């Protein structure tokens, strides 16, 4: 569940972009946010090391970026210390039908 307008709009924007309704917004000066960089690195790993299809990668990315929203601090950095089994289980339970 989105707890702030910022997290809801980010999730909606990613969904619409992944679905092809919006163009990806260019990163300012080519820089990625910590969440974008983590998602991009993970997608590269899934593609290069696991050999997954782009469709599978897009589906997993859409799901995982929502979890990254949960652990993104107010300053935009990822707070990896917040990521534990309870957070993951709660996110999965909340988004099981997504």
PDB file of N, CA and C in Angstrom:
ATOM      1  N   UNK A   1       0.836  -1.166   0.000  1.00  0.00           N
ATOM      2  CA  UNK A   1       0.000   0.000   0.000  1.00  0.00           C
ATOM      3  C   UNK A   1       0.887   1.238   0.000  1.00  0.00           C
ATOM      4  N   UNK A   2       0.555   2.206  -0.805  1.00  0.00           N
ATOM      5  CA  UNK A   2       1.292   3.463  -0.849  1.00  0.00           C
ATOM      6  C   UNK A   2       0.981   4.241   0.419  1.00  0.00           C
ATOM      7  N   UNK A   3       2.015   4.764   1.041  1.00  0.00           N
ATOM      8  CA  UNK A   3       1.806   5.531   2.266  1.00  0.00           C
ATOM      9  C   UNK A   3       1.950   7.018   2.040  1.00  0.00           C
ATOM     10  N   UNK A   4       2.547   7.418   0.924  1.00  0.00           N
ATOM     11  CA  UNK A   4       2.687   8.832   0.604  1.00  0.00           C
ATOM     12  C   UNK A   4       2.356   9.039  -0.867  1.00  0.00           C
ATOM     13  N   UNK A   5       2.024  10.266  -1.209  1.00  0.00           N
ATOM     14  CA  UNK A   5       1.756  10.587  -2.611  1.00  0.00           C
ATOM     15  C   UNK A   5       2.993  10.292  -3.452  1.00  0.00           C
ATOM     16  N   UNK A   6       4.173  10.583  -2.908  1.00  0.00           N
ATOM     17  CA  UNK A   6       5.422  10.359  -3.627  1.00  0.00           C
ATOM     18  C   UNK A   6       5.593   8.883  -3.976  1.00  0.00           C
ATOM     19  N   UNK A   7       5.368   7.990  -3.020  1.00  0.00           N
ATOM     20  CA  UNK A   7       5.556   6.565  -3.303  1.00  0.00           C
ATOM     21  C   UNK A   7       4.485   6.041  -4.256  1.00  0.00           C
ATOM     22  N   UNK A   8       3.259   6.546  -4.141  1.00  0.00           N
ATOM     23  CA  UNK A   8       2.189   6.111  -5.045  1.00  0.00           C
ATOM     24  C   UNK A   8       2.447   6.581  -6.467  1.00  0.00           C
ATOM     25  N   UNK A   9       2.872   7.821  -6.625  1.00  0.00           N
ATOM     26  CA  UNK A   9       3.102   8.334  -7.975  1.00  0.00           C
ATOM     27  C   UNK A   9       4.290   7.643  -8.616  1.00  0.00           C
ATOM     28  N   UNK A  10       5.321   7.319  -7.853  1.00  0.00           N
ATOM     29  CA  UNK A  10       6.461   6.599  -8.401  1.00  0.00           C
ATOM     30  C   UNK A  10       6.082   5.208  -8.856  1.00  0.00           C
ATOM     31  N   UNK A  11       5.287   4.532  -8.069  1.00  0.00           N
ATOM     32  CA  UNK A  11       4.833   3.193  -8.423  1.00  0.00           C
ATOM     33  C   UNK A  11       3.960   3.230  -9.666  1.00  0.00           C
ATOM     34  N   UNK A  12       3.050   4.178  -9.738  1.00  0.00           N
ATOM     35  CA  UNK A  12       2.166   4.299 -10.896  1.00  0.00           C
ATOM     36  C   UNK A  12       2.964   4.653 -12.151  1.00  0.00           C
ATOM     37  N   UNK A  13       3.919   5.562 -12.026  1.00  0.00           N
ATOM     38  CA  UNK A  13       4.735   5.955 -13.171  1.00  0.00           C
ATOM     39  C   UNK A  13       5.523   4.753 -13.708  1.00  0.00           C
ATOM     40  N   UNK A  14       6.105   3.966 -12.802  1.00  0.00           N
ATOM     41  CA  UNK A  14       6.851   2.773 -13.237  1.00  0.00           C
ATOM     42  C   UNK A  14       5.930   1.776 -13.933  1.00  0.00           C
ATOM     43  N   UNK A  15       4.738   1.580 -13.382  1.00  0.00           N
ATOM     44  CA  UNK A  15       3.788   0.654 -13.996  1.00  0.00           C
ATOM     45  C   UNK A  15       3.434   1.108 -15.407  1.00  0.00           C
ATOM     46  N   UNK A  16       3.084   2.380 -15.557  1.00  0.00           N
ATOM     47  CA  UNK A  16       2.705   2.898 -16.872  1.00  0.00           C
ATOM     48  C   UNK A  16       3.874   2.881 -17.852  1.00  0.00           C
ATOM     49  N   UNK A  17       5.073   3.127 -17.371  1.00  0.00           N
ATOM     50  CA  UNK A  17       6.254   3.073 -18.237  1.00  0.00           C
ATOM     51  C   UNK A  17       6.514   1.645 -18.672  1.00  0.00           C
ATOM     52  N   UNK A  18       6.492   0.705 -17.717  1.00  0.00           N
ATOM     53  CA  UNK A  18       6.729  -0.706 -18.048  1.00  0.00           C
ATOM     54  C   UNK A  18       5.657  -1.249 -18.983  1.00  0.00           C
ATOM     55  N   UNK A  19       4.423  -0.741 -18.869  1.00  0.00           N
ATOM     56  CA  UNK A  19       3.335  -1.200 -19.727  1.00  0.00           C
ATOM     57  C   UNK A  19       3.374  -0.536 -21.100  1.00  0.00           C
ATOM     58  N   UNK A  20       4.268   0.450 -21.278  1.00  0.00           N
ATOM     59  CA  UNK A  20       4.424   1.099 -22.576  1.00  0.00           C
ATOM     60  C   UNK A  20       3.554   2.321 -22.791  1.00  0.00           C
ATOM     61  N   UNK A  21       2.874   2.788 -21.752  1.00  0.00           N
ATOM     62  CA  UNK A  21       2.011   3.950 -21.889  1.00  0.00           C
ATOM     63  C   UNK A  21       2.763   5.269 -21.714  1.00  0.00           C
ATOM     64  N   UNK A  22       3.871   5.234 -21.006  1.00  0.00           N
ATOM     65  CA  UNK A  22       4.706   6.415 -20.805  1.00  0.00           C
ATOM     66  C   UNK A  22       6.118   6.118 -21.266  1.00  0.00           C
ATOM     67  N   UNK A  23       6.801   7.146 -21.700  1.00  0.00           N
ATOM     68  CA  UNK A  23       8.220   7.003 -22.018  1.00  0.00           C
ATOM     69  C   UNK A  23       9.009   7.145 -20.724  1.00  0.00           C
ATOM     70  N   UNK A  24      10.107   6.422 -20.626  1.00  0.00           N
ATOM     71  CA  UNK A  24      10.940   6.608 -19.436  1.00  0.00           C
ATOM     72  C   UNK A  24      11.438   8.046 -19.379  1.00  0.00           C
ATOM     73  N   UNK A  25      11.410   8.629 -18.209  1.00  0.00           N
ATOM     74  CA  UNK A  25      11.921   9.988 -18.087  1.00  0.00           C
ATOM     75  C   UNK A  25      13.440   9.935 -18.036  1.00  0.00           C
ATOM     76  N   UNK A  26      14.099  10.818 -18.761  1.00  0.00           N
ATOM     77  CA  UNK A  26      15.563  10.799 -18.754  1.00  0.00           C
ATOM     78  C   UNK A  26      16.082  11.190 -17.384  1.00  0.00           C
ATOM     79  N   UNK A  27      17.117  10.508 -16.959  1.00  0.00           N
ATOM     80  CA  UNK A  27      17.732  10.833 -15.674  1.00  0.00           C
ATOM     81  C   UNK A  27      18.461  12.171 -15.812  1.00  0.00           C
ATOM     82  N   UNK A  28      18.407  12.951 -14.776  1.00  0.00           N
ATOM     83  CA  UNK A  28      19.066  14.246 -14.787  1.00  0.00           C
ATOM     84  C   UNK A  28      20.569  14.029 -14.910  1.00  0.00           C
ATOM     85  N   UNK A  29      21.159  14.625 -15.935  1.00  0.00           N
ATOM     86  CA  UNK A  29      22.591  14.510 -16.197  1.00  0.00           C
ATOM     87  C   UNK A  29      23.040  13.065 -16.294  1.00  0.00           C
ATOM     88  N   UNK A  30      22.155  12.164 -16.674  1.00  0.00           N
ATOM     89  CA  UNK A  30      22.526  10.766 -16.842  1.00  0.00           C
ATOM     90  C   UNK A  30      22.705  10.006 -15.537  1.00  0.00           C
ATOM     91  N   UNK A  31      22.383  10.619 -14.409  1.00  0.00           N
ATOM     92  CA  UNK A  31      22.540   9.963 -13.115  1.00  0.00           C
ATOM     93  C   UNK A  31      21.260   9.235 -12.742  1.00  0.00           C
ATOM     94  N   UNK A  32      21.417   8.102 -12.122  1.00  0.00           N
ATOM     95  CA  UNK A  32      20.276   7.324 -11.656  1.00  0.00           C
ATOM     96  C   UNK A  32      20.138   7.480 -10.157  1.00  0.00           C
ATOM     97  N   UNK A  33      18.912   7.356  -9.681  1.00  0.00           N
ATOM     98  CA  UNK A  33      18.710   7.317  -8.235  1.00  0.00           C
ATOM     99  C   UNK A  33      19.284   5.992  -7.731  1.00  0.00           C
ATOM    100  N   UNK A  34      19.536   5.880  -6.441  1.00  0.00           N
ATOM    101  CA  UNK A  34      20.018   4.609  -5.917  1.00  0.00           C
ATOM    102  C   UNK A  34      19.071   3.440  -6.233  1.00  0.00           C
ATOM    103  N   UNK A  35      17.767   3.668  -6.169  1.00  0.00           N
ATOM    104  CA  UNK A  35      16.803   2.606  -6.474  1.00  0.00           C
ATOM    105  C   UNK A  35      16.870   2.232  -7.949  1.00  0.00           C
ATOM    106  N   UNK A  36      16.967   3.227  -8.835  1.00  0.00           N
ATOM    107  CA  UNK A  36      17.072   2.942 -10.264  1.00  0.00           C
ATOM    108  C   UNK A  36      18.358   2.181 -10.580  1.00  0.00           C
ATOM    109  N   UNK A  37      19.447   2.576  -9.954  1.00  0.00           N
ATOM    110  CA  UNK A  37      20.731   1.901 -10.185  1.00  0.00           C
ATOM    111  C   UNK A  37      20.686   0.453  -9.696  1.00  0.00           C
ATOM    112  N   UNK A  38      20.078   0.226  -8.526  1.00  0.00           N
ATOM    113  CA  UNK A  38      19.969  -1.135  -8.000  1.00  0.00           C
ATOM    114  C   UNK A  38      19.097  -1.994  -8.903  1.00  0.00           C
ATOM    115  N   UNK A  39      17.977  -1.444  -9.362  1.00  0.00           N
ATOM    116  CA  UNK A  39      17.084  -2.189 -10.250  1.00  0.00           C
ATOM    117  C   UNK A  39      17.768  -2.491 -11.582  1.00  0.00           C
ATOM    118  N   UNK A  40      18.487  -1.521 -12.123  1.00  0.00           N
ATOM    119  CA  UNK A  40      19.188  -1.725 -13.399  1.00  0.00           C
ATOM    120  C   UNK A  40      20.271  -2.805 -13.267  1.00  0.00           C
ATOM    121  N   UNK A  41      21.004  -2.775 -12.176  1.00  0.00           N
ATOM    122  CA  UNK A  41      22.048  -3.783 -11.955  1.00  0.00           C
ATOM    123  C   UNK A  41      21.432  -5.171 -11.820  1.00  0.00           C
ATOM    124  N   UNK A  42      20.327  -5.269 -11.114  1.00  0.00           N
ATOM    125  CA  UNK A  42      19.659  -6.556 -10.931  1.00  0.00           C
ATOM    126  C   UNK A  42      19.125  -7.075 -12.260  1.00  0.00           C
ATOM    127  N   UNK A  43      18.551  -6.167 -13.057  1.00  0.00           N
ATOM    128  CA  UNK A  43      18.038  -6.569 -14.372  1.00  0.00           C
ATOM    129  C   UNK A  43      19.174  -7.048 -15.268  1.00  0.00           C
ATOM    130  N   UNK A  44      20.301  -6.372 -15.229  1.00  0.00           N
ATOM    131  CA  UNK A  44      21.464  -6.812 -16.011  1.00  0.00           C
ATOM    132  C   UNK A  44      21.913  -8.195 -15.563  1.00  0.00           C
ATOM    133  N   UNK A  45      21.925  -8.419 -14.261  1.00  0.00           N
ATOM    134  CA  UNK A  45      22.310  -9.733 -13.745  1.00  0.00           C
ATOM    135  C   UNK A  45      21.338 -10.808 -14.227  1.00  0.00           C
ATOM    136  N   UNK A  46      20.031 -10.523 -14.159  1.00  0.00           N
ATOM    137  CA  UNK A  46      19.037 -11.508 -14.616  1.00  0.00           C
ATOM    138  C   UNK A  46      19.220 -11.810 -16.099  1.00  0.00           C
ATOM    139  N   UNK A  47      19.539 -10.795 -16.887  1.00  0.00           N
ATOM    140  CA  UNK A  47      19.716 -10.959 -18.329  1.00  0.00           C
ATOM    141  C   UNK A  47      21.022 -11.695 -18.634  1.00  0.00           C
ATOM    142  N   UNK A  48      22.127 -11.232 -18.045  1.00  0.00           N
ATOM    143  CA  UNK A  48      23.449 -11.737 -18.388  1.00  0.00           C
ATOM    144  C   UNK A  48      23.794 -13.066 -17.722  1.00  0.00           C
ATOM    145  N   UNK A  49      23.443 -13.191 -16.462  1.00  0.00           N
ATOM    146  CA  UNK A  49      23.837 -14.385 -15.704  1.00  0.00           C
ATOM    147  C   UNK A  49      22.774 -15.484 -15.715  1.00  0.00           C
ATOM    148  N   UNK A  50      21.519 -15.078 -15.730  1.00  0.00           N
ATOM    149  CA  UNK A  50      20.438 -16.065 -15.680  1.00  0.00           C
ATOM    150  C   UNK A  50      19.823 -16.339 -17.040  1.00  0.00           C
ATOM    151  N   UNK A  51      20.035 -15.445 -18.009  1.00  0.00           N
ATOM    152  CA  UNK A  51      19.507 -15.632 -19.348  1.00  0.00           C
ATOM    153  C   UNK A  51      17.992 -15.522 -19.425  1.00  0.00           C
ATOM    154  N   UNK A  52      17.402 -14.708 -18.558  1.00  0.00           N
ATOM    155  CA  UNK A  52      15.952 -14.569 -18.542  1.00  0.00           C
ATOM    156  C   UNK A  52      15.475 -13.693 -19.685  1.00  0.00           C
ATOM    157  N   UNK A  53      14.239 -13.886 -20.102  1.00  0.00           N
ATOM    158  CA  UNK A  53      13.659 -13.104 -21.191  1.00  0.00           C
ATOM    159  C   UNK A  53      13.344 -11.694 -20.708  1.00  0.00           C
ATOM    160  N   UNK A  54      13.238 -10.773 -21.653  1.00  0.00           N
ATOM    161  CA  UNK A  54      12.917  -9.383 -21.310  1.00  0.00           C
ATOM    162  C   UNK A  54      11.547  -9.281 -20.648  1.00  0.00           C
ATOM    163  N   UNK A  55      10.610 -10.116 -21.058  1.00  0.00           N
ATOM    164  CA  UNK A  55       9.275 -10.098 -20.460  1.00  0.00           C
ATOM    165  C   UNK A  55       9.338 -10.502 -18.986  1.00  0.00           C
ATOM    166  N   UNK A  56      10.103 -11.540 -18.695  1.00  0.00           N
ATOM    167  CA  UNK A  56      10.260 -11.989 -17.308  1.00  0.00           C
ATOM    168  C   UNK A  56      10.972 -10.934 -16.488  1.00  0.00           C
ATOM    169  N   UNK A  57      12.017 -10.347 -17.059  1.00  0.00           N
ATOM    170  CA  UNK A  57      12.771  -9.309 -16.350  1.00  0.00           C
ATOM    171  C   UNK A  57      11.868  -8.120 -16.049  1.00  0.00           C
ATOM    172  N   UNK A  58      11.062  -7.692 -17.012  1.00  0.00           N
ATOM    173  CA  UNK A  58      10.166  -6.549 -16.798  1.00  0.00           C
ATOM    174  C   UNK A  58       9.163  -6.835 -15.688  1.00  0.00           C
ATOM    175  N   UNK A  59       8.620  -8.047 -15.670  1.00  0.00           N
ATOM    176  CA  UNK A  59       7.653  -8.402 -14.630  1.00  0.00           C
ATOM    177  C   UNK A  59       8.304  -8.403 -13.252  1.00  0.00           C
ATOM    178  N   UNK A  60       9.494  -8.973 -13.168  1.00  0.00           N
ATOM    179  CA  UNK A  60      10.190  -9.016 -11.878  1.00  0.00           C
ATOM    180  C   UNK A  60      10.632  -7.624 -11.449  1.00  0.00           C
ATOM    181  N   UNK A  61      11.069  -6.819 -12.411  1.00  0.00           N
ATOM    182  CA  UNK A  61      11.489  -5.456 -12.091  1.00  0.00           C
ATOM    183  C   UNK A  61      10.318  -4.656 -11.537  1.00  0.00           C
ATOM    184  N   UNK A  62       9.171  -4.753 -12.170  1.00  0.00           N
ATOM    185  CA  UNK A  62       7.985  -4.009 -11.731  1.00  0.00           C
ATOM    186  C   UNK A  62       7.645  -4.379 -10.289  1.00  0.00           C
ATOM    187  N   UNK A  63       7.739  -5.652  -9.968  1.00  0.00           N
ATOM    188  CA  UNK A  63       7.425  -6.114  -8.620  1.00  0.00           C
ATOM    189  C   UNK A  63       8.487  -5.645  -7.625  1.00  0.00           C
ATOM    190  N   UNK A  64       9.751  -5.786  -8.002  1.00  0.00           N
ATOM    191  CA  UNK A  64      10.847  -5.464  -7.088  1.00  0.00           C
ATOM    192  C   UNK A  64      10.999  -3.971  -6.845  1.00  0.00           C
ATOM    193  N   UNK A  65      10.702  -3.149  -7.852  1.00  0.00           N
ATOM    194  CA  UNK A  65      10.870  -1.715  -7.634  1.00  0.00           C
ATOM    195  C   UNK A  65       9.894  -1.190  -6.590  1.00  0.00           C
ATOM    196  N   UNK A  66       8.754  -1.823  -6.467  1.00  0.00           N
ATOM    197  CA  UNK A  66       7.830  -1.453  -5.394  1.00  0.00           C
ATOM    198  C   UNK A  66       8.430  -1.745  -4.033  1.00  0.00           C
ATOM    199  N   UNK A  67       9.142  -2.848  -3.931  1.00  0.00           N
ATOM    200  CA  UNK A  67       9.816  -3.180  -2.676  1.00  0.00           C
ATOM    201  C   UNK A  67      10.932  -2.176  -2.399  1.00  0.00           C
ATOM    202  N   UNK A  68      11.628  -1.749  -3.440  1.00  0.00           N
ATOM    203  CA  UNK A  68      12.665  -0.734  -3.247  1.00  0.00           C
ATOM    204  C   UNK A  68      12.057   0.563  -2.727  1.00  0.00           C
ATOM    205  N   UNK A  69      10.835   0.889  -3.164  1.00  0.00           N
ATOM    206  CA  UNK A  69      10.151   2.075  -2.640  1.00  0.00           C
ATOM    207  C   UNK A  69       9.987   1.977  -1.128  1.00  0.00           C
ATOM    208  N   UNK A  70       9.727   0.783  -0.639  1.00  0.00           N
ATOM    209  CA  UNK A  70       9.505   0.575   0.789  1.00  0.00           C
ATOM    210  C   UNK A  70      10.771   0.878   1.590  1.00  0.00           C
ATOM    211  N   UNK A  71      11.941   0.590   1.025  1.00  0.00           N
ATOM    212  CA  UNK A  71      13.184   0.791   1.779  1.00  0.00           C
ATOM    213  C   UNK A  71      13.936   2.056   1.365  1.00  0.00           C
ATOM    214  N   UNK A  72      13.293   2.902   0.548  1.00  0.00           N
ATOM    215  CA  UNK A  72      13.923   4.165   0.163  1.00  0.00           C
ATOM    216  C   UNK A  72      13.689   5.194   1.260  1.00  0.00           C
ATOM    217  N   UNK A  73      14.779   5.762   1.739  1.00  0.00           N
ATOM    218  CA  UNK A  73      14.710   6.777   2.790  1.00  0.00           C
ATOM    219  C   UNK A  73      14.239   8.104   2.190  1.00  0.00           C
ATOM    220  N   UNK A  74      13.899   9.036   3.051  1.00  0.00           N
ATOM    221  CA  UNK A  74      13.421  10.342   2.609  1.00  0.00           C
ATOM    222  C   UNK A  74      14.439  11.073   1.736  1.00  0.00           C
ATOM    223  N   UNK A  75      15.722  10.807   1.946  1.00  0.00           N
ATOM    224  CA  UNK A  75      16.755  11.480   1.156  1.00  0.00           C
ATOM    225  C   UNK A  75      17.005  10.797  -0.193  1.00  0.00           C
ATOM    226  N   UNK A  76      16.278   9.705  -0.474  1.00  0.00           N
ATOM    227  CA  UNK A  76      16.407   9.007  -1.753  1.00  0.00           C
ATOM    228  C   UNK A  76      17.354   7.838  -1.738  1.00  0.00           C
ATOM    229  N   UNK A  77      18.147   7.704  -0.682  1.00  0.00           N
ATOM    230  CA  UNK A  77      19.062   6.564  -0.580  1.00  0.00           C
ATOM    231  C   UNK A  77      18.299   5.314  -0.154  1.00  0.00           C
ATOM    232  N   UNK A  78      18.827   4.168  -0.542  1.00  0.00           N
ATOM    233  CA  UNK A  78      18.236   2.904  -0.117  1.00  0.00           C
ATOM    234  C   UNK A  78      18.739   2.558   1.276  1.00  0.00           C
ATOM    235  N   UNK A  79      17.826   2.232   2.149  1.00  0.00           N
ATOM    236  CA  UNK A  79      18.167   1.836   3.516  1.00  0.00           C
ATOM    237  C   UNK A  79      18.084   0.319   3.595  1.00  0.00           C
ATOM    238  N   UNK A  80      19.148  -0.340   3.150  1.00  0.00           N
ATOM    239  CA  UNK A  80      19.163  -1.803   3.072  1.00  0.00           C
ATOM    240  C   UNK A  80      18.969  -2.456   4.433  1.00  0.00           C
ATOM    241  N   UNK A  81      19.278  -1.728   5.517  1.00  0.00           N
ATOM    242  CA  UNK A  81      19.079  -2.284   6.864  1.00  0.00           C
ATOM    243  C   UNK A  81      17.602  -2.504   7.170  1.00  0.00           C
ATOM    244  N   UNK A  82      16.715  -1.806   6.473  1.00  0.00           N
ATOM    245  CA  UNK A  82      15.273  -1.984   6.676  1.00  0.00           C
ATOM    246  C   UNK A  82      14.743  -3.236   5.994  1.00  0.00           C
ATOM    247  N   UNK A  83      15.532  -3.813   5.097  1.00  0.00           N
ATOM    248  CA  UNK A  83      15.081  -4.974   4.335  1.00  0.00           C
ATOM    249  C   UNK A  83      15.341  -6.243   5.139  1.00  0.00           C
ATOM    250  N   UNK A  84      14.287  -6.785   5.687  1.00  0.00           N
ATOM    251  CA  UNK A  84      14.389  -8.033   6.419  1.00  0.00           C
ATOM    252  C   UNK A  84      13.209  -8.925   6.034  1.00  0.00           C
ATOM    253  N   UNK A  85      13.145 -10.092   6.626  1.00  0.00           N
ATOM    254  CA  UNK A  85      12.099 -11.057   6.263  1.00  0.00           C
ATOM    255  C   UNK A  85      10.702 -10.502   6.493  1.00  0.00           C
ATOM    256  N   UNK A  86      10.501  -9.757   7.562  1.00  0.00           N
ATOM    257  CA  UNK A  86       9.171  -9.211   7.859  1.00  0.00           C
ATOM    258  C   UNK A  86       8.741  -8.199   6.792  1.00  0.00           C
ATOM    259  N   UNK A  87       9.665  -7.363   6.339  1.00  0.00           N
ATOM    260  CA  UNK A  87       9.347  -6.369   5.308  1.00  0.00           C
ATOM    261  C   UNK A  87       9.028  -7.074   3.992  1.00  0.00           C
ATOM    262  N   UNK A  88       9.851  -8.041   3.616  1.00  0.00           N
ATOM    263  CA  UNK A  88       9.624  -8.769   2.368  1.00  0.00           C
ATOM    264  C   UNK A  88       8.302  -9.534   2.436  1.00  0.00           C
ATOM    265  N   UNK A  89       8.062 -10.243   3.535  1.00  0.00           N
ATOM    266  CA  UNK A  89       6.811 -10.997   3.684  1.00  0.00           C
ATOM    267  C   UNK A  89       5.596 -10.080   3.641  1.00  0.00           C
ATOM    268  N   UNK A  90       5.683  -8.925   4.299  1.00  0.00           N
ATOM    269  CA  UNK A  90       4.575  -7.984   4.287  1.00  0.00           C
ATOM    270  C   UNK A  90       4.322  -7.432   2.896  1.00  0.00           C
ATOM    271  N   UNK A  91       5.393  -7.127   2.176  1.00  0.00           N
ATOM    272  CA  UNK A  91       5.249  -6.604   0.812  1.00  0.00           C
ATOM    273  C   UNK A  91       4.634  -7.656  -0.102  1.00  0.00           C
ATOM    274  N   UNK A  92       5.127  -8.882  -0.010  1.00  0.00           N
ATOM    275  CA  UNK A  92       4.604  -9.964  -0.849  1.00  0.00           C
ATOM    276  C   UNK A  92       3.132 -10.214  -0.538  1.00  0.00           C
ATOM    277  N   UNK A  93       2.784 -10.255   0.732  1.00  0.00           N
ATOM    278  CA  UNK A  93       1.386 -10.485   1.114  1.00  0.00           C
ATOM    279  C   UNK A  93       0.486  -9.360   0.593  1.00  0.00           C
ATOM    280  N   UNK A  94       0.975  -8.145   0.655  1.00  0.00           N
ATOM    281  CA  UNK A  94       0.183  -6.992   0.222  1.00  0.00           C
ATOM    282  C   UNK A  94       0.012  -6.955  -1.304  1.00  0.00           C
ATOM    283  N   UNK A  95       1.001  -7.476  -2.033  1.00  0.00           N
ATOM    284  CA  UNK A  95       0.994  -7.382  -3.493  1.00  0.00           C
ATOM    285  C   UNK A  95       0.842  -8.731  -4.185  1.00  0.00           C
ATOM    286  N   UNK A  96       0.330  -9.721  -3.493  1.00  0.00           N
ATOM    287  CA  UNK A  96       0.255 -11.066  -4.048  1.00  0.00           C
ATOM    288  C   UNK A  96      -0.608 -11.160  -5.307  1.00  0.00           C
ATOM    289  N   UNK A  97      -1.565 -10.260  -5.459  1.00  0.00           N
ATOM    290  CA  UNK A  97      -2.436 -10.296  -6.637  1.00  0.00           C
ATOM    291  C   UNK A  97      -1.975  -9.348  -7.734  1.00  0.00           C
ATOM    292  N   UNK A  98      -0.851  -8.667  -7.517  1.00  0.00           N
ATOM    293  CA  UNK A  98      -0.355  -7.682  -8.490  1.00  0.00           C
ATOM    294  C   UNK A  98       0.333  -8.360  -9.648  1.00  0.00           C
TER     295      UNK A  98
END
